[in-house]
Amino acid sequence: MSHISANDLKTKGVSAIELALSTAPEAIVSVRGTDKFVVMDIAHYRYLRECELDAALAETRADLAAGRVVQESPAAHLARLDAL
C-alpha cells in the first residue's frame, strides 16, 4: 500500500493522492510518522461499501434462517431496549 506523509499532502495537495493511487487502490496518510488515514478512489470505496452491505445482508439472512429473530410491536421493542 502506498504511503503519503501529511507534509507531502500539505505541499502537493491532491496530486500527492493521485500519484499514490496510480500504483495502489488505497494509500495511507501518515502524520508525524504515525499512520492515521486511508484514502482511496471513489470506485474502490463504493466497492468496499457494497461488500459491507452484502455481508450485513448475509448475516441477517443467517439470523433469520437460524431463528435468531424477535417479532414484536414497536412499543415492545422500545421497552425491551430500555430494559437493557
Protein backbone atom coordinates (compact mmCIF):
# COMPACT_ATOMS: atom_id res chain seq x y z
CA MET A 1 0.00 0.00 0.00
CA SER A 2 1.26 3.46 -0.85
CA HIS A 3 2.10 6.00 1.83
CA ILE A 4 1.65 9.76 1.79
CA SER A 5 3.08 11.96 4.51
CA ALA A 6 0.94 14.77 5.84
CA ASN A 7 3.68 17.16 4.73
CA ASP A 8 3.50 15.85 1.13
CA LEU A 9 -0.23 16.21 1.24
CA LYS A 10 0.11 19.75 2.51
CA THR A 11 2.62 20.80 -0.12
CA LYS A 12 1.44 18.78 -3.13
CA GLY A 13 -2.28 18.56 -2.41
CA VAL A 14 -4.47 16.25 -4.44
CA SER A 15 -1.62 15.46 -6.82
CA ALA A 16 0.08 13.52 -3.99
CA ILE A 17 -3.06 11.42 -3.62
CA GLU A 18 -3.36 10.90 -7.39
CA LEU A 19 0.27 9.77 -7.58
CA ALA A 20 -0.11 7.33 -4.67
CA LEU A 21 -3.33 5.89 -6.10
CA SER A 22 -1.73 5.37 -9.50
CA THR A 23 0.10 2.34 -8.09
CA ALA A 24 -2.34 1.02 -5.46
CA PRO A 25 -6.09 1.15 -4.77
CA GLU A 26 -5.51 2.69 -1.33
CA ALA A 27 -2.92 4.94 0.28
CA ILE A 28 -2.11 5.53 3.93
CA VAL A 29 -1.64 9.10 5.13
CA SER A 30 0.85 9.35 7.96
CA VAL A 31 1.02 12.24 10.39
CA ARG A 32 4.32 12.68 12.22
CA GLY A 33 5.30 9.13 11.31
CA THR A 34 2.05 7.55 12.53
CA ASP A 35 -0.43 6.03 10.10
CA LYS A 36 -3.65 8.00 10.56
CA PHE A 37 -5.88 7.90 7.48
CA VAL A 38 -6.59 5.90 4.34
CA VAL A 39 -7.55 7.49 1.04
CA MET A 40 -8.91 5.64 -1.96
CA ASP A 41 -10.54 6.13 -5.31
CA ILE A 42 -14.31 6.59 -5.04
CA ALA A 43 -14.95 3.50 -7.18
CA HIS A 44 -12.91 1.38 -4.74
CA TYR A 45 -14.78 2.93 -1.79
CA ARG A 46 -18.13 2.11 -3.40
CA TYR A 47 -16.97 -1.47 -4.00
CA LEU A 48 -15.94 -1.87 -0.35
CA ARG A 49 -19.19 -0.30 0.83
CA GLU A 50 -21.15 -2.74 -1.33
CA CYS A 51 -19.17 -5.62 0.20
CA GLU A 52 -20.10 -4.36 3.69
CA LEU A 53 -23.76 -4.22 2.76
CA ASP A 54 -23.64 -7.71 1.20
CA ALA A 55 -22.04 -9.06 4.39
CA ALA A 56 -24.73 -7.41 6.55
CA LEU A 57 -27.44 -8.91 4.33
CA ALA A 58 -25.85 -12.37 4.56
CA GLU A 59 -25.65 -12.05 8.35
CA THR A 60 -29.32 -11.04 8.50
CA ARG A 61 -30.36 -13.96 6.33
CA ALA A 62 -28.36 -16.34 8.55
CA ASP A 63 -30.06 -14.93 11.65
CA LEU A 64 -33.48 -15.40 10.04
CA ALA A 65 -32.66 -18.97 8.99
CA ALA A 66 -31.39 -19.83 12.49
CA GLY A 67 -34.43 -18.31 14.18
CA ARG A 68 -32.46 -15.56 15.91
CA VAL A 69 -35.28 -13.05 15.48
CA VAL A 70 -37.86 -11.37 17.65
CA GLN A 71 -41.23 -10.28 16.33
CA GLU A 72 -42.78 -7.58 18.46
CA SER A 73 -44.55 -4.27 18.29
CA PRO A 74 -42.56 -1.04 18.17
CA ALA A 75 -43.61 -0.26 21.75
CA ALA A 76 -42.48 -3.70 22.97
CA HIS A 77 -39.21 -3.28 21.11
CA LEU A 78 -38.52 0.09 22.76
CA ALA A 79 -39.43 -1.33 26.17
CA ARG A 80 -37.00 -4.23 25.63
CA LEU A 81 -34.25 -1.79 24.63
CA ASP A 82 -34.93 0.34 27.70
CA ALA A 83 -34.54 -2.75 29.87
CA LEU A 84 -31.04 -3.46 28.55
